[in-house]
Amino acid sequence: MTKFIPPPKEKKKKEKDEESYEDDDTNCNLICSDEYGPETKHSLAQLNEKETSF
């Protein structure tokens, strides 16, 4: 594909309420079928679904 590599994750301080809510959500970017190469899977896994605007 385009060999895109997302920037490294930055940890942000959050309140306890937000942390517990975040644990319940599943990042669907971690689910990637075998039709994609390892570079694409790795790049998708690094993207945070909540911070991606559509």
PDB file of N, CA and C in Angstrom:
ATOM      1  N   MET A   1       0.838  -1.185   0.000  1.00  0.00           N
ATOM      2  CA  MET A   1       0.000   0.000   0.000  1.00  0.00           C
ATOM      3  C   MET A   1       0.883   1.249   0.000  1.00  0.00           C
ATOM      4  N   THR A   2       0.642   2.177   0.900  1.00  0.00           N
ATOM      5  CA  THR A   2       1.375   3.446   0.903  1.00  0.00           C
ATOM      6  C   THR A   2       2.499   3.489   1.924  1.00  0.00           C
ATOM      7  N   LYS A   3       2.711   2.408   2.653  1.00  0.00           N
ATOM      8  CA  LYS A   3       3.765   2.335   3.680  1.00  0.00           C
ATOM      9  C   LYS A   3       3.575   3.382   4.776  1.00  0.00           C
ATOM     10  N   PHE A   4       2.297   3.736   5.060  1.00  0.00           N
ATOM     11  CA  PHE A   4       1.989   4.715   6.098  1.00  0.00           C
ATOM     12  C   PHE A   4       2.288   4.137   7.470  1.00  0.00           C
ATOM     13  N   ILE A   5       2.962   4.911   8.303  1.00  0.00           N
ATOM     14  CA  ILE A   5       3.235   4.523   9.686  1.00  0.00           C
ATOM     15  C   ILE A   5       2.742   5.658  10.569  1.00  0.00           C
ATOM     16  N   PRO A   6       1.776   5.401  11.453  1.00  0.00           N
ATOM     17  CA  PRO A   6       1.249   6.464  12.310  1.00  0.00           C
ATOM     18  C   PRO A   6       2.280   6.919  13.338  1.00  0.00           C
ATOM     19  N   PRO A   7       2.128   8.148  13.836  1.00  0.00           N
ATOM     20  CA  PRO A   7       3.059   8.628  14.863  1.00  0.00           C
ATOM     21  C   PRO A   7       2.911   7.817  16.146  1.00  0.00           C
ATOM     22  N   PRO A   8       3.937   7.796  16.997  1.00  0.00           N
ATOM     23  CA  PRO A   8       3.852   7.029  18.248  1.00  0.00           C
ATOM     24  C   PRO A   8       2.741   7.550  19.150  1.00  0.00           C
ATOM     25  N   LYS A   9       2.188   6.648  19.950  1.00  0.00           N
ATOM     26  CA  LYS A   9       1.115   7.010  20.871  1.00  0.00           C
ATOM     27  C   LYS A   9       1.644   7.921  21.964  1.00  0.00           C
ATOM     28  N   GLU A  10       0.811   8.886  22.344  1.00  0.00           N
ATOM     29  CA  GLU A  10       1.143   9.750  23.462  1.00  0.00           C
ATOM     30  C   GLU A  10       0.170   9.433  24.585  1.00  0.00           C
ATOM     31  N   LYS A  11       0.711   9.105  25.734  1.00  0.00           N
ATOM     32  CA  LYS A  11      -0.133   8.812  26.886  1.00  0.00           C
ATOM     33  C   LYS A  11      -0.671  10.113  27.456  1.00  0.00           C
ATOM     34  N   LYS A  12      -1.967  10.159  27.688  1.00  0.00           N
ATOM     35  CA  LYS A  12      -2.594  11.332  28.277  1.00  0.00           C
ATOM     36  C   LYS A  12      -3.135  10.960  29.648  1.00  0.00           C
ATOM     37  N   LYS A  13      -3.071  11.893  30.560  1.00  0.00           N
ATOM     38  CA  LYS A  13      -3.636  11.660  31.884  1.00  0.00           C
ATOM     39  C   LYS A  13      -5.142  11.797  31.792  1.00  0.00           C
ATOM     40  N   LYS A  14      -5.839  10.852  32.380  1.00  0.00           N
ATOM     41  CA  LYS A  14      -7.290  10.872  32.357  1.00  0.00           C
ATOM     42  C   LYS A  14      -7.818  10.617  33.756  1.00  0.00           C
ATOM     43  N   GLU A  15      -9.042  11.025  33.956  1.00  0.00           N
ATOM     44  CA  GLU A  15      -9.673  10.787  35.244  1.00  0.00           C
ATOM     45  C   GLU A  15     -10.045   9.312  35.364  1.00  0.00           C
ATOM     46  N   LYS A  16     -10.295   8.882  36.574  1.00  0.00           N
ATOM     47  CA  LYS A  16     -10.617   7.476  36.815  1.00  0.00           C
ATOM     48  C   LYS A  16     -11.880   7.052  36.072  1.00  0.00           C
ATOM     49  N   ASP A  17     -12.869   7.940  35.986  1.00  0.00           N
ATOM     50  CA  ASP A  17     -14.111   7.595  35.294  1.00  0.00           C
ATOM     51  C   ASP A  17     -13.863   7.315  33.815  1.00  0.00           C
ATOM     52  N   GLU A  18     -13.031   8.106  33.196  1.00  0.00           N
ATOM     53  CA  GLU A  18     -12.740   7.913  31.781  1.00  0.00           C
ATOM     54  C   GLU A  18     -11.954   6.637  31.541  1.00  0.00           C
ATOM     55  N   GLU A  19     -11.058   6.284  32.456  1.00  0.00           N
ATOM     56  CA  GLU A  19     -10.264   5.066  32.304  1.00  0.00           C
ATOM     57  C   GLU A  19     -11.143   3.828  32.364  1.00  0.00           C
ATOM     58  N   SER A  20     -12.096   3.802  33.267  1.00  0.00           N
ATOM     59  CA  SER A  20     -12.951   2.625  33.382  1.00  0.00           C
ATOM     60  C   SER A  20     -13.858   2.495  32.162  1.00  0.00           C
ATOM     61  N   TYR A  21     -14.303   3.617  31.620  1.00  0.00           N
ATOM     62  CA  TYR A  21     -15.126   3.578  30.416  1.00  0.00           C
ATOM     63  C   TYR A  21     -14.311   3.092  29.222  1.00  0.00           C
ATOM     64  N   GLU A  22     -13.071   3.507  29.158  1.00  0.00           N
ATOM     65  CA  GLU A  22     -12.210   3.146  28.039  1.00  0.00           C
ATOM     66  C   GLU A  22     -11.896   1.654  28.024  1.00  0.00           C
ATOM     67  N   ASP A  23     -11.838   1.025  29.176  1.00  0.00           N
ATOM     68  CA  ASP A  23     -11.530  -0.392  29.254  1.00  0.00           C
ATOM     69  C   ASP A  23     -12.626  -1.253  28.636  1.00  0.00           C
ATOM     70  N   ASP A  24     -13.861  -0.745  28.609  1.00  0.00           N
ATOM     71  CA  ASP A  24     -14.981  -1.520  28.091  1.00  0.00           C
ATOM     72  C   ASP A  24     -15.007  -1.560  26.565  1.00  0.00           C
ATOM     73  N   ASP A  25     -14.394  -0.585  25.915  1.00  0.00           N
ATOM     74  CA  ASP A  25     -14.418  -0.506  24.458  1.00  0.00           C
ATOM     75  C   ASP A  25     -13.340  -1.389  23.842  1.00  0.00           C
ATOM     76  N   THR A  26     -13.660  -1.921  22.676  1.00  0.00           N
ATOM     77  CA  THR A  26     -12.704  -2.728  21.932  1.00  0.00           C
ATOM     78  C   THR A  26     -12.224  -1.926  20.735  1.00  0.00           C
ATOM     79  N   ASN A  27     -10.929  -1.872  20.532  1.00  0.00           N
ATOM     80  CA  ASN A  27     -10.370  -1.184  19.379  1.00  0.00           C
ATOM     81  C   ASN A  27     -10.472  -2.118  18.179  1.00  0.00           C
ATOM     82  N   CYS A  28     -11.373  -1.815  17.273  1.00  0.00           N
ATOM     83  CA  CYS A  28     -11.602  -2.680  16.110  1.00  0.00           C
ATOM     84  C   CYS A  28     -10.466  -2.609  15.099  1.00  0.00           C
ATOM     85  N   ASN A  29      -9.549  -1.662  15.272  1.00  0.00           N
ATOM     86  CA  ASN A  29      -8.393  -1.603  14.379  1.00  0.00           C
ATOM     87  C   ASN A  29      -7.454  -2.777  14.608  1.00  0.00           C
ATOM     88  N   LEU A  30      -7.598  -3.467  15.723  1.00  0.00           N
ATOM     89  CA  LEU A  30      -6.763  -4.632  16.004  1.00  0.00           C
ATOM     90  C   LEU A  30      -7.256  -5.868  15.260  1.00  0.00           C
ATOM     91  N   ILE A  31      -8.483  -5.802  14.739  1.00  0.00           N
ATOM     92  CA  ILE A  31      -9.062  -6.918  14.000  1.00  0.00           C
ATOM     93  C   ILE A  31      -8.791  -6.687  12.514  1.00  0.00           C
ATOM     94  N   CYS A  32      -7.906  -7.476  11.949  1.00  0.00           N
ATOM     95  CA  CYS A  32      -7.508  -7.304  10.549  1.00  0.00           C
ATOM     96  C   CYS A  32      -7.349  -8.692   9.930  1.00  0.00           C
ATOM     97  N   SER A  33      -7.998  -8.911   8.792  1.00  0.00           N
ATOM     98  CA  SER A  33      -7.960 -10.238   8.175  1.00  0.00           C
ATOM     99  C   SER A  33      -6.593 -10.530   7.563  1.00  0.00           C
ATOM    100  N   ASP A  34      -6.400 -11.767   7.173  1.00  0.00           N
ATOM    101  CA  ASP A  34      -5.119 -12.220   6.631  1.00  0.00           C
ATOM    102  C   ASP A  34      -4.864 -11.754   5.194  1.00  0.00           C
ATOM    103  N   GLU A  35      -5.843 -11.095   4.576  1.00  0.00           N
ATOM    104  CA  GLU A  35      -5.632 -10.608   3.212  1.00  0.00           C
ATOM    105  C   GLU A  35      -4.703  -9.391   3.176  1.00  0.00           C
ATOM    106  N   TYR A  36      -4.410  -8.804   4.346  1.00  0.00           N
ATOM    107  CA  TYR A  36      -3.501  -7.659   4.438  1.00  0.00           C
ATOM    108  C   TYR A  36      -2.130  -8.118   4.905  1.00  0.00           C
ATOM    109  N   GLY A  37      -1.121  -7.415   4.475  1.00  0.00           N
ATOM    110  CA  GLY A  37       0.254  -7.751   4.838  1.00  0.00           C
ATOM    111  C   GLY A  37       0.577  -7.368   6.275  1.00  0.00           C
ATOM    112  N   PRO A  38       1.707  -7.837   6.786  1.00  0.00           N
ATOM    113  CA  PRO A  38       2.083  -7.561   8.178  1.00  0.00           C
ATOM    114  C   PRO A  38       2.314  -6.071   8.446  1.00  0.00           C
ATOM    115  N   GLU A  39       2.805  -5.313   7.459  1.00  0.00           N
ATOM    116  CA  GLU A  39       3.016  -3.878   7.655  1.00  0.00           C
ATOM    117  C   GLU A  39       1.687  -3.163   7.873  1.00  0.00           C
ATOM    118  N   THR A  40       0.682  -3.534   7.081  1.00  0.00           N
ATOM    119  CA  THR A  40      -0.636  -2.927   7.200  1.00  0.00           C
ATOM    120  C   THR A  40      -1.266  -3.275   8.539  1.00  0.00           C
ATOM    121  N   LYS A  41      -1.163  -4.532   8.947  1.00  0.00           N
ATOM    122  CA  LYS A  41      -1.711  -4.947  10.238  1.00  0.00           C
ATOM    123  C   LYS A  41      -1.061  -4.181  11.379  1.00  0.00           C
ATOM    124  N   HIS A  42       0.253  -4.014  11.306  1.00  0.00           N
ATOM    125  CA  HIS A  42       0.980  -3.308  12.355  1.00  0.00           C
ATOM    126  C   HIS A  42       0.565  -1.831  12.412  1.00  0.00           C
ATOM    127  N   SER A  43       0.425  -1.200  11.254  1.00  0.00           N
ATOM    128  CA  SER A  43       0.021   0.208  11.206  1.00  0.00           C
ATOM    129  C   SER A  43      -1.395   0.398  11.729  1.00  0.00           C
ATOM    130  N   LEU A  44      -2.299  -0.485  11.355  1.00  0.00           N
ATOM    131  CA  LEU A  44      -3.671  -0.402  11.854  1.00  0.00           C
ATOM    132  C   LEU A  44      -3.726  -0.578  13.366  1.00  0.00           C
ATOM    133  N   ALA A  45      -2.932  -1.476  13.897  1.00  0.00           N
ATOM    134  CA  ALA A  45      -2.936  -1.733  15.334  1.00  0.00           C
ATOM    135  C   ALA A  45      -2.451  -0.516  16.114  1.00  0.00           C
ATOM    136  N   GLN A  46      -1.630   0.329  15.504  1.00  0.00           N
ATOM    137  CA  GLN A  46      -1.110   1.506  16.192  1.00  0.00           C
ATOM    138  C   GLN A  46      -2.088   2.672  16.187  1.00  0.00           C
ATOM    139  N   LEU A  47      -3.055   2.673  15.283  1.00  0.00           N
ATOM    140  CA  LEU A  47      -4.024   3.763  15.220  1.00  0.00           C
ATOM    141  C   LEU A  47      -5.052   3.621  16.328  1.00  0.00           C
ATOM    142  N   ASN A  48      -5.372   4.725  16.979  1.00  0.00           N
ATOM    143  CA  ASN A  48      -6.391   4.712  18.015  1.00  0.00           C
ATOM    144  C   ASN A  48      -7.724   5.060  17.370  1.00  0.00           C
ATOM    145  N   GLU A  49      -8.664   4.164  17.480  1.00  0.00           N
ATOM    146  CA  GLU A  49      -9.960   4.321  16.847  1.00  0.00           C
ATOM    147  C   GLU A  49     -10.701   5.563  17.346  1.00  0.00           C
ATOM    148  N   LYS A  50     -10.562   5.890  18.629  1.00  0.00           N
ATOM    149  CA  LYS A  50     -11.276   7.029  19.200  1.00  0.00           C
ATOM    150  C   LYS A  50     -10.729   8.361  18.713  1.00  0.00           C
ATOM    151  N   GLU A  51      -9.467   8.418  18.352  1.00  0.00           N
ATOM    152  CA  GLU A  51      -8.851   9.671  17.934  1.00  0.00           C
ATOM    153  C   GLU A  51      -8.873   9.864  16.423  1.00  0.00           C
ATOM    154  N   THR A  52      -9.433   8.922  15.681  1.00  0.00           N
ATOM    155  CA  THR A  52      -9.495   9.016  14.229  1.00  0.00           C
ATOM    156  C   THR A  52     -10.831   9.623  13.829  1.00  0.00           C
ATOM    157  N   SER A  53     -10.790  10.760  13.131  1.00  0.00           N
ATOM    158  CA  SER A  53     -12.037  11.391  12.694  1.00  0.00           C
ATOM    159  C   SER A  53     -12.412  10.872  11.310  1.00  0.00           C
ATOM    160  N   PHE A  54     -13.696  10.716  11.101  1.00  0.00           N
ATOM    161  CA  PHE A  54     -14.169  10.214   9.820  1.00  0.00           C
ATOM    162  C   PHE A  54     -14.990  11.263   9.126  1.00  0.00           C
TER     163      PHE A  54
END
